[in-house]
Amino acid sequence: MFMRSTAALAALFFVSTAPLALAAEKPTDPQIAHIAYTAGTLDIEAAKLAIEKSKNKEVVDFAKGMERDHEAVNKQALDLVKKLKVTPEDNDTSKALTKAAKEEDAKLAKLKGAAFDKAYIENEVAYHKQVNGALETLLIPSASNAELKDLLETGLKIFRGHQQHAEHVAGMLK
């Protein structure tokens, strides 16, 4: 059930440990923009699935919040890359995130009722922990552009709240 989380963690861990081994391998601003945008887009897709499948008010409300907040941050990211005339650059991390999310979404699509709700929320907790960790330890420190760094820091504040909300909903589902 945690395939997206596990693969995303592996991808983010690989990228986050690369700078320790070889500073030249830290992601560039265009790669960081693509990773952050991809992570948001994938969570929007998962939220849409939850809105469609879940009958639990808490889960649906959480998913609607994920959709709303990630769409807003992604819009800000797109506006920023247009302003800076930067083209987000696809990379191994964003590809791994996408692959893992597709696998997890396929598993979630087969679940129903309480089993779906529990798997979705547990995945959201794990996913936000991983993305928040990557933002803190790799993406924000690696960003060269001050406006990109600021957007990532703002996103991190929002996404920490998402993690706490997901943990709260997970506790209610037990």
N, C-alpha and C. Protein backbone atom coordinates (compact mmCIF):
# COMPACT_ATOMS: atom_id res chain seq x y z
N MET A 1 0.80 -1.20 0.00
CA MET A 1 0.00 0.00 0.00
C MET A 1 0.85 1.26 0.00
N PHE A 2 2.05 1.14 0.40
CA PHE A 2 2.90 2.32 0.48
C PHE A 2 3.91 2.37 -0.65
N MET A 3 3.55 1.81 -1.82
CA MET A 3 4.48 1.78 -2.93
C MET A 3 4.88 3.18 -3.36
N ARG A 4 3.91 4.10 -3.50
CA ARG A 4 4.26 5.46 -3.90
C ARG A 4 5.19 6.04 -2.85
N SER A 5 4.86 5.85 -1.58
CA SER A 5 5.68 6.39 -0.52
C SER A 5 7.07 5.77 -0.51
N THR A 6 7.13 4.47 -0.65
CA THR A 6 8.42 3.78 -0.62
C THR A 6 9.30 4.19 -1.79
N ALA A 7 8.73 4.20 -2.98
CA ALA A 7 9.51 4.57 -4.15
C ALA A 7 9.88 6.05 -4.10
N ALA A 8 8.96 6.88 -3.65
CA ALA A 8 9.25 8.30 -3.54
C ALA A 8 10.36 8.52 -2.52
N LEU A 9 10.28 7.82 -1.40
CA LEU A 9 11.32 7.92 -0.40
C LEU A 9 12.66 7.51 -0.97
N ALA A 10 12.68 6.41 -1.71
CA ALA A 10 13.93 5.95 -2.31
C ALA A 10 14.47 7.00 -3.28
N ALA A 11 13.60 7.56 -4.09
CA ALA A 11 14.04 8.57 -5.05
C ALA A 11 14.54 9.82 -4.34
N LEU A 12 13.78 10.29 -3.34
CA LEU A 12 14.19 11.48 -2.62
C LEU A 12 15.43 11.22 -1.78
N PHE A 13 15.55 10.03 -1.20
CA PHE A 13 16.72 9.69 -0.42
C PHE A 13 17.96 9.66 -1.31
N PHE A 14 17.82 9.07 -2.50
CA PHE A 14 18.94 9.02 -3.43
C PHE A 14 19.41 10.43 -3.76
N VAL A 15 18.48 11.30 -4.09
CA VAL A 15 18.85 12.66 -4.44
C VAL A 15 19.41 13.39 -3.23
N SER A 16 18.82 13.17 -2.06
CA SER A 16 19.26 13.92 -0.90
C SER A 16 20.61 13.46 -0.39
N THR A 17 21.01 12.24 -0.68
CA THR A 17 22.32 11.78 -0.25
C THR A 17 23.39 12.07 -1.29
N ALA A 18 23.01 12.31 -2.53
CA ALA A 18 23.98 12.57 -3.59
C ALA A 18 24.87 13.77 -3.26
N PRO A 19 24.33 14.89 -2.74
CA PRO A 19 25.20 16.02 -2.45
C PRO A 19 26.27 15.70 -1.41
N LEU A 20 25.98 14.76 -0.53
CA LEU A 20 26.98 14.39 0.46
C LEU A 20 28.17 13.70 -0.20
N ALA A 21 27.86 12.93 -1.22
CA ALA A 21 28.92 12.20 -1.90
C ALA A 21 29.61 13.05 -2.96
N LEU A 22 28.84 13.86 -3.66
CA LEU A 22 29.38 14.61 -4.78
C LEU A 22 28.60 15.90 -4.93
N ALA A 23 29.16 17.02 -4.51
CA ALA A 23 28.45 18.28 -4.50
C ALA A 23 27.95 18.67 -5.89
N ALA A 24 28.63 18.25 -6.93
CA ALA A 24 28.24 18.60 -8.29
C ALA A 24 26.90 17.99 -8.69
N GLU A 25 26.42 17.01 -7.93
CA GLU A 25 25.18 16.33 -8.28
C GLU A 25 23.95 16.93 -7.63
N LYS A 26 24.10 18.03 -6.91
CA LYS A 26 22.91 18.64 -6.32
C LYS A 26 22.01 19.13 -7.45
N PRO A 27 20.70 19.10 -7.24
CA PRO A 27 19.79 19.49 -8.31
C PRO A 27 19.90 20.98 -8.64
N THR A 28 19.69 21.29 -9.89
CA THR A 28 19.68 22.67 -10.35
C THR A 28 18.31 23.28 -10.07
N ASP A 29 18.19 24.58 -10.17
CA ASP A 29 16.91 25.23 -9.96
C ASP A 29 15.83 24.70 -10.91
N PRO A 30 16.12 24.50 -12.21
CA PRO A 30 15.09 23.94 -13.08
C PRO A 30 14.67 22.52 -12.67
N GLN A 31 15.61 21.73 -12.16
CA GLN A 31 15.28 20.39 -11.68
C GLN A 31 14.47 20.47 -10.39
N ILE A 32 14.85 21.36 -9.49
CA ILE A 32 14.11 21.55 -8.24
C ILE A 32 12.68 21.96 -8.53
N ALA A 33 12.51 22.89 -9.46
CA ALA A 33 11.16 23.34 -9.83
C ALA A 33 10.33 22.17 -10.34
N HIS A 34 10.94 21.31 -11.14
CA HIS A 34 10.20 20.17 -11.69
C HIS A 34 9.86 19.15 -10.60
N ILE A 35 10.79 18.88 -9.70
CA ILE A 35 10.55 17.94 -8.60
C ILE A 35 9.39 18.45 -7.73
N ALA A 36 9.45 19.71 -7.34
CA ALA A 36 8.41 20.27 -6.47
C ALA A 36 7.06 20.29 -7.17
N TYR A 37 7.04 20.69 -8.42
CA TYR A 37 5.78 20.72 -9.17
C TYR A 37 5.22 19.31 -9.34
N THR A 38 6.08 18.37 -9.65
CA THR A 38 5.66 16.98 -9.83
C THR A 38 5.07 16.43 -8.53
N ALA A 39 5.75 16.67 -7.42
CA ALA A 39 5.24 16.18 -6.13
C ALA A 39 3.86 16.75 -5.83
N GLY A 40 3.66 18.03 -6.12
CA GLY A 40 2.34 18.64 -5.91
C GLY A 40 1.28 18.06 -6.83
N THR A 41 1.63 17.89 -8.10
CA THR A 41 0.69 17.34 -9.07
C THR A 41 0.27 15.92 -8.70
N LEU A 42 1.22 15.13 -8.24
CA LEU A 42 0.90 13.76 -7.86
C LEU A 42 -0.04 13.72 -6.66
N ASP A 43 0.14 14.65 -5.73
CA ASP A 43 -0.75 14.68 -4.58
C ASP A 43 -2.15 15.18 -4.99
N ILE A 44 -2.22 16.04 -5.97
CA ILE A 44 -3.52 16.48 -6.49
C ILE A 44 -4.25 15.28 -7.10
N GLU A 45 -3.54 14.48 -7.88
CA GLU A 45 -4.16 13.30 -8.50
C GLU A 45 -4.65 12.31 -7.45
N ALA A 46 -3.85 12.10 -6.40
CA ALA A 46 -4.28 11.20 -5.32
C ALA A 46 -5.51 11.77 -4.61
N ALA A 47 -5.52 13.08 -4.41
CA ALA A 47 -6.66 13.73 -3.75
C ALA A 47 -7.93 13.56 -4.57
N LYS A 48 -7.82 13.72 -5.87
CA LYS A 48 -8.99 13.55 -6.74
C LYS A 48 -9.54 12.13 -6.65
N LEU A 49 -8.65 11.15 -6.56
CA LEU A 49 -9.08 9.77 -6.40
C LEU A 49 -9.82 9.60 -5.08
N ALA A 50 -9.30 10.20 -4.02
CA ALA A 50 -9.94 10.09 -2.70
C ALA A 50 -11.31 10.78 -2.70
N ILE A 51 -11.41 11.93 -3.34
CA ILE A 51 -12.68 12.64 -3.40
C ILE A 51 -13.71 11.78 -4.13
N GLU A 52 -13.27 11.10 -5.15
CA GLU A 52 -14.16 10.24 -5.93
C GLU A 52 -14.57 8.98 -5.17
N LYS A 53 -13.63 8.35 -4.46
CA LYS A 53 -13.88 7.03 -3.88
C LYS A 53 -14.38 7.03 -2.44
N SER A 54 -13.92 7.99 -1.65
CA SER A 54 -14.22 7.93 -0.22
C SER A 54 -15.62 8.41 0.09
N LYS A 55 -16.20 7.82 1.11
CA LYS A 55 -17.49 8.24 1.66
C LYS A 55 -17.31 8.86 3.04
N ASN A 56 -16.06 8.89 3.52
CA ASN A 56 -15.74 9.40 4.85
C ASN A 56 -15.54 10.92 4.76
N LYS A 57 -16.33 11.68 5.50
CA LYS A 57 -16.28 13.14 5.44
C LYS A 57 -14.89 13.67 5.76
N GLU A 58 -14.24 13.15 6.77
CA GLU A 58 -12.90 13.63 7.15
C GLU A 58 -11.89 13.40 6.02
N VAL A 59 -11.96 12.23 5.40
CA VAL A 59 -11.04 11.90 4.31
C VAL A 59 -11.31 12.80 3.11
N VAL A 60 -12.58 12.98 2.76
CA VAL A 60 -12.94 13.82 1.61
C VAL A 60 -12.53 15.26 1.87
N ASP A 61 -12.80 15.77 3.07
CA ASP A 61 -12.41 17.15 3.41
C ASP A 61 -10.89 17.31 3.34
N PHE A 62 -10.16 16.33 3.85
CA PHE A 62 -8.69 16.36 3.77
C PHE A 62 -8.26 16.41 2.31
N ALA A 63 -8.80 15.52 1.50
CA ALA A 63 -8.43 15.44 0.08
C ALA A 63 -8.75 16.74 -0.66
N LYS A 64 -9.89 17.34 -0.35
CA LYS A 64 -10.24 18.62 -0.98
C LYS A 64 -9.22 19.70 -0.60
N GLY A 65 -8.77 19.66 0.64
CA GLY A 65 -7.73 20.60 1.07
C GLY A 65 -6.42 20.38 0.33
N MET A 66 -6.07 19.11 0.13
CA MET A 66 -4.84 18.80 -0.61
C MET A 66 -4.94 19.31 -2.04
N GLU A 67 -6.07 19.07 -2.66
CA GLU A 67 -6.27 19.51 -4.03
C GLU A 67 -6.16 21.04 -4.12
N ARG A 68 -6.87 21.73 -3.26
CA ARG A 68 -6.88 23.20 -3.26
C ARG A 68 -5.48 23.77 -3.00
N ASP A 69 -4.83 23.30 -1.95
CA ASP A 69 -3.54 23.87 -1.56
C ASP A 69 -2.44 23.57 -2.57
N HIS A 70 -2.39 22.32 -3.04
CA HIS A 70 -1.34 21.97 -4.00
C HIS A 70 -1.56 22.66 -5.35
N GLU A 71 -2.82 22.84 -5.75
CA GLU A 71 -3.08 23.59 -6.99
C GLU A 71 -2.62 25.04 -6.84
N ALA A 72 -2.85 25.64 -5.68
CA ALA A 72 -2.44 27.03 -5.45
C ALA A 72 -0.92 27.16 -5.47
N VAL A 73 -0.22 26.26 -4.81
CA VAL A 73 1.25 26.32 -4.79
C VAL A 73 1.80 26.04 -6.18
N ASN A 74 1.22 25.07 -6.89
CA ASN A 74 1.69 24.79 -8.25
C ASN A 74 1.46 25.99 -9.18
N LYS A 75 0.36 26.71 -8.99
CA LYS A 75 0.12 27.91 -9.80
C LYS A 75 1.19 28.95 -9.50
N GLN A 76 1.52 29.13 -8.24
CA GLN A 76 2.58 30.07 -7.87
C GLN A 76 3.91 29.65 -8.49
N ALA A 77 4.17 28.34 -8.49
CA ALA A 77 5.41 27.84 -9.08
C ALA A 77 5.45 28.11 -10.58
N LEU A 78 4.35 27.86 -11.27
CA LEU A 78 4.30 28.13 -12.71
C LEU A 78 4.47 29.62 -13.00
N ASP A 79 3.82 30.45 -12.20
CA ASP A 79 3.96 31.90 -12.38
C ASP A 79 5.42 32.32 -12.18
N LEU A 80 6.09 31.73 -11.20
CA LEU A 80 7.48 32.08 -10.92
C LEU A 80 8.40 31.64 -12.06
N VAL A 81 8.25 30.41 -12.55
CA VAL A 81 9.14 29.97 -13.63
C VAL A 81 8.91 30.78 -14.90
N LYS A 82 7.67 31.22 -15.13
CA LYS A 82 7.41 32.09 -16.29
C LYS A 82 8.10 33.43 -16.09
N LYS A 83 7.97 33.99 -14.90
CA LYS A 83 8.59 35.27 -14.59
C LYS A 83 10.10 35.19 -14.76
N LEU A 84 10.69 34.11 -14.28
CA LEU A 84 12.15 33.95 -14.34
C LEU A 84 12.63 33.42 -15.69
N LYS A 85 11.67 33.07 -16.56
CA LYS A 85 11.98 32.50 -17.87
C LYS A 85 12.85 31.25 -17.73
N VAL A 86 12.39 30.38 -16.82
CA VAL A 86 13.07 29.11 -16.55
C VAL A 86 12.15 27.98 -17.00
N THR A 87 12.71 26.99 -17.64
CA THR A 87 11.95 25.81 -18.04
C THR A 87 12.24 24.69 -17.04
N PRO A 88 11.22 24.24 -16.28
CA PRO A 88 11.46 23.12 -15.37
C PRO A 88 12.05 21.93 -16.13
N GLU A 89 12.99 21.28 -15.51
CA GLU A 89 13.72 20.19 -16.17
C GLU A 89 13.39 18.85 -15.53
N ASP A 90 12.82 17.96 -16.35
CA ASP A 90 12.53 16.60 -15.89
C ASP A 90 13.84 15.94 -15.47
N ASN A 91 13.77 15.05 -14.51
CA ASN A 91 14.97 14.43 -13.97
C ASN A 91 14.61 13.08 -13.36
N ASP A 92 15.61 12.34 -12.94
CA ASP A 92 15.38 11.00 -12.40
C ASP A 92 14.46 11.01 -11.19
N THR A 93 14.57 12.02 -10.35
CA THR A 93 13.72 12.07 -9.15
C THR A 93 12.26 12.27 -9.52
N SER A 94 11.97 13.24 -10.39
CA SER A 94 10.57 13.47 -10.76
C SER A 94 10.01 12.27 -11.52
N LYS A 95 10.85 11.60 -12.31
CA LYS A 95 10.40 10.40 -13.01
C LYS A 95 10.08 9.27 -12.02
N ALA A 96 10.93 9.11 -11.02
CA ALA A 96 10.71 8.06 -10.01
C ALA A 96 9.45 8.36 -9.20
N LEU A 97 9.24 9.63 -8.86
CA LEU A 97 8.02 10.01 -8.13
C LEU A 97 6.78 9.67 -8.94
N THR A 98 6.81 9.98 -10.23
CA THR A 98 5.66 9.72 -11.10
C THR A 98 5.39 8.23 -11.22
N LYS A 99 6.43 7.45 -11.41
CA LYS A 99 6.28 6.00 -11.55
C LYS A 99 5.69 5.41 -10.26
N ALA A 100 6.23 5.80 -9.14
CA ALA A 100 5.74 5.27 -7.86
C ALA A 100 4.29 5.68 -7.60
N ALA A 101 3.95 6.92 -7.95
CA ALA A 101 2.58 7.39 -7.73
C ALA A 101 1.59 6.61 -8.58
N LYS A 102 1.95 6.33 -9.81
CA LYS A 102 1.05 5.55 -10.67
C LYS A 102 0.82 4.16 -10.09
N GLU A 103 1.86 3.55 -9.56
CA GLU A 103 1.73 2.22 -8.96
C GLU A 103 0.84 2.28 -7.72
N GLU A 104 1.04 3.29 -6.88
CA GLU A 104 0.24 3.42 -5.67
C GLU A 104 -1.21 3.73 -6.01
N ASP A 105 -1.43 4.62 -6.97
CA ASP A 105 -2.80 4.96 -7.36
C ASP A 105 -3.53 3.73 -7.89
N ALA A 106 -2.83 2.87 -8.62
CA ALA A 106 -3.45 1.64 -9.13
C ALA A 106 -3.87 0.74 -7.98
N LYS A 107 -3.05 0.66 -6.93
CA LYS A 107 -3.41 -0.14 -5.76
C LYS A 107 -4.59 0.48 -5.01
N LEU A 108 -4.55 1.80 -4.84
CA LEU A 108 -5.64 2.47 -4.14
C LEU A 108 -6.96 2.33 -4.90
N ALA A 109 -6.90 2.37 -6.21
CA ALA A 109 -8.11 2.27 -7.03
C ALA A 109 -8.84 0.96 -6.82
N LYS A 110 -8.13 -0.08 -6.40
CA LYS A 110 -8.74 -1.40 -6.18
C LYS A 110 -9.40 -1.51 -4.80
N LEU A 111 -9.10 -0.57 -3.91
CA LEU A 111 -9.64 -0.63 -2.55
C LEU A 111 -10.96 0.12 -2.45
N LYS A 112 -11.74 -0.24 -1.42
CA LYS A 112 -13.02 0.41 -1.19
C LYS A 112 -13.20 0.67 0.30
N GLY A 113 -14.09 1.60 0.58
CA GLY A 113 -14.52 1.84 1.95
C GLY A 113 -13.38 2.19 2.90
N ALA A 114 -13.46 1.62 4.10
CA ALA A 114 -12.50 1.90 5.15
C ALA A 114 -11.08 1.50 4.75
N ALA A 115 -10.95 0.43 3.97
CA ALA A 115 -9.61 0.00 3.53
C ALA A 115 -8.98 1.07 2.63
N PHE A 116 -9.77 1.65 1.75
CA PHE A 116 -9.26 2.73 0.90
C PHE A 116 -8.87 3.93 1.77
N ASP A 117 -9.79 4.35 2.64
CA ASP A 117 -9.54 5.53 3.47
C ASP A 117 -8.24 5.38 4.25
N LYS A 118 -8.07 4.24 4.89
CA LYS A 118 -6.89 4.01 5.71
C LYS A 118 -5.63 4.02 4.86
N ALA A 119 -5.65 3.35 3.72
CA ALA A 119 -4.47 3.30 2.85
C ALA A 119 -4.14 4.69 2.29
N TYR A 120 -5.16 5.41 1.88
CA TYR A 120 -4.94 6.76 1.32
C TYR A 120 -4.32 7.68 2.37
N ILE A 121 -4.90 7.73 3.56
CA ILE A 121 -4.40 8.64 4.59
C ILE A 121 -3.02 8.22 5.08
N GLU A 122 -2.79 6.94 5.26
CA GLU A 122 -1.44 6.49 5.66
C GLU A 122 -0.41 6.87 4.61
N ASN A 123 -0.78 6.75 3.35
CA ASN A 123 0.12 7.13 2.28
C ASN A 123 0.38 8.64 2.31
N GLU A 124 -0.65 9.42 2.59
CA GLU A 124 -0.50 10.87 2.65
C GLU A 124 0.45 11.27 3.78
N VAL A 125 0.34 10.60 4.93
CA VAL A 125 1.26 10.88 6.04
C VAL A 125 2.69 10.62 5.58
N ALA A 126 2.93 9.45 5.04
CA ALA A 126 4.28 9.07 4.62
C ALA A 126 4.78 9.98 3.50
N TYR A 127 3.93 10.27 2.54
CA TYR A 127 4.33 11.10 1.40
C TYR A 127 4.72 12.50 1.85
N HIS A 128 3.92 13.10 2.73
CA HIS A 128 4.25 14.44 3.21
C HIS A 128 5.52 14.44 4.06
N LYS A 129 5.73 13.42 4.85
CA LYS A 129 6.99 13.33 5.61
C LYS A 129 8.18 13.33 4.66
N GLN A 130 8.07 12.54 3.61
CA GLN A 130 9.18 12.43 2.66
C GLN A 130 9.41 13.72 1.90
N VAL A 131 8.35 14.30 1.39
CA VAL A 131 8.50 15.53 0.61
C VAL A 131 8.99 16.66 1.51
N ASN A 132 8.45 16.75 2.72
CA ASN A 132 8.91 17.78 3.65
C ASN A 132 10.39 17.60 3.99
N GLY A 133 10.80 16.36 4.19
CA GLY A 133 12.21 16.08 4.46
C GLY A 133 13.10 16.48 3.29
N ALA A 134 12.65 16.19 2.09
CA ALA A 134 13.42 16.55 0.90
C ALA A 134 13.49 18.07 0.73
N LEU A 135 12.39 18.75 1.02
CA LEU A 135 12.40 20.21 0.95
C LEU A 135 13.40 20.79 1.95
N GLU A 136 13.37 20.28 3.18
CA GLU A 136 14.24 20.80 4.24
C GLU A 136 15.72 20.53 3.98
N THR A 137 16.02 19.29 3.59
CA THR A 137 17.42 18.87 3.54
C THR A 137 18.09 19.01 2.18
N LEU A 138 17.29 19.08 1.11
CA LEU A 138 17.91 19.11 -0.22
C LEU A 138 17.41 20.25 -1.09
N LEU A 139 16.11 20.32 -1.30
CA LEU A 139 15.60 21.26 -2.30
C LEU A 139 15.81 22.72 -1.90
N ILE A 140 15.43 23.08 -0.69
CA ILE A 140 15.62 24.47 -0.25
C ILE A 140 17.10 24.82 -0.16
N PRO A 141 17.93 23.99 0.49
CA PRO A 141 19.36 24.34 0.53
C PRO A 141 20.04 24.38 -0.84
N SER A 142 19.53 23.63 -1.81
CA SER A 142 20.15 23.58 -3.14
C SER A 142 19.67 24.70 -4.06
N ALA A 143 18.54 25.31 -3.75
CA ALA A 143 17.99 26.35 -4.63
C ALA A 143 18.91 27.57 -4.64
N SER A 144 19.23 28.03 -5.83
CA SER A 144 20.10 29.21 -5.99
C SER A 144 19.29 30.50 -6.02
N ASN A 145 18.14 30.47 -6.68
CA ASN A 145 17.32 31.65 -6.84
C ASN A 145 16.55 31.94 -5.55
N ALA A 146 16.65 33.18 -5.09
CA ALA A 146 16.01 33.56 -3.83
C ALA A 146 14.49 33.42 -3.88
N GLU A 147 13.87 33.75 -5.02
CA GLU A 147 12.41 33.64 -5.13
C GLU A 147 11.96 32.19 -5.12
N LEU A 148 12.72 31.31 -5.77
CA LEU A 148 12.42 29.88 -5.74
C LEU A 148 12.56 29.36 -4.32
N LYS A 149 13.63 29.73 -3.66
CA LYS A 149 13.86 29.30 -2.28
C LYS A 149 12.71 29.76 -1.38
N ASP A 150 12.27 31.00 -1.57
CA ASP A 150 11.18 31.55 -0.77
C ASP A 150 9.88 30.77 -1.02
N LEU A 151 9.59 30.46 -2.29
CA LEU A 151 8.39 29.68 -2.61
C LEU A 151 8.46 28.30 -1.97
N LEU A 152 9.62 27.66 -2.03
CA LEU A 152 9.79 26.34 -1.42
C LEU A 152 9.60 26.41 0.10
N GLU A 153 10.12 27.46 0.72
CA GLU A 153 9.96 27.63 2.18
C GLU A 153 8.50 27.84 2.55
N THR A 154 7.79 28.62 1.75
CA THR A 154 6.35 28.82 1.97
C THR A 154 5.61 27.50 1.81
N GLY A 155 5.95 26.75 0.75
CA GLY A 155 5.35 25.44 0.53
C GLY A 155 5.60 24.51 1.71
N LEU A 156 6.82 24.53 2.23
CA LEU A 156 7.15 23.65 3.36
C LEU A 156 6.27 23.95 4.56
N LYS A 157 6.02 25.22 4.84
CA LYS A 157 5.14 25.58 5.97
C LYS A 157 3.74 25.00 5.76
N ILE A 158 3.23 25.13 4.54
CA ILE A 158 1.89 24.60 4.23
C ILE A 158 1.89 23.08 4.33
N PHE A 159 2.91 22.44 3.78
CA PHE A 159 2.94 20.98 3.73
C PHE A 159 3.21 20.36 5.09
N ARG A 160 3.85 21.07 6.00
CA ARG A 160 3.97 20.58 7.38
C ARG A 160 2.57 20.50 8.00
N GLY A 161 1.75 21.50 7.70
CA GLY A 161 0.36 21.47 8.18
C GLY A 161 -0.41 20.31 7.57
N HIS A 162 -0.13 20.01 6.30
CA HIS A 162 -0.77 18.85 5.65
C HIS A 162 -0.40 17.56 6.37
N GLN A 163 0.87 17.44 6.70
CA GLN A 163 1.32 16.22 7.38
C GLN A 163 0.60 16.08 8.73
N GLN A 164 0.53 17.17 9.48
CA GLN A 164 -0.16 17.12 10.77
C GLN A 164 -1.64 16.78 10.60
N HIS A 165 -2.27 17.35 9.60
CA HIS A 165 -3.68 17.08 9.34
C HIS A 165 -3.86 15.61 8.96
N ALA A 166 -2.99 15.09 8.10
CA ALA A 166 -3.06 13.69 7.71
C ALA A 166 -2.88 12.77 8.91
N GLU A 167 -1.94 13.11 9.79
CA GLU A 167 -1.72 12.31 11.01
C GLU A 167 -2.96 12.33 11.89
N HIS A 168 -3.61 13.48 11.99
CA HIS A 168 -4.84 13.59 12.78
C HIS A 168 -5.95 12.71 12.20
N VAL A 169 -6.14 12.80 10.89
CA VAL A 169 -7.18 11.98 10.24
C VAL A 169 -6.84 10.49 10.38
N ALA A 170 -5.57 10.15 10.25
CA ALA A 170 -5.16 8.74 10.40
C ALA A 170 -5.52 8.24 11.80
N GLY A 171 -5.30 9.09 12.80
CA GLY A 171 -5.65 8.70 14.17
C GLY A 171 -7.14 8.48 14.35
N MET A 172 -7.94 9.23 13.64
CA MET A 172 -9.41 9.08 13.72
C MET A 172 -9.89 7.79 13.05
N LEU A 173 -9.12 7.31 12.06
CA LEU A 173 -9.55 6.12 11.31
C LEU A 173 -9.20 4.81 12.00
N LYS A 174 -8.41 4.87 13.06
CA LYS A 174 -7.98 3.63 13.73
C LYS A 174 -9.08 3.05 14.56
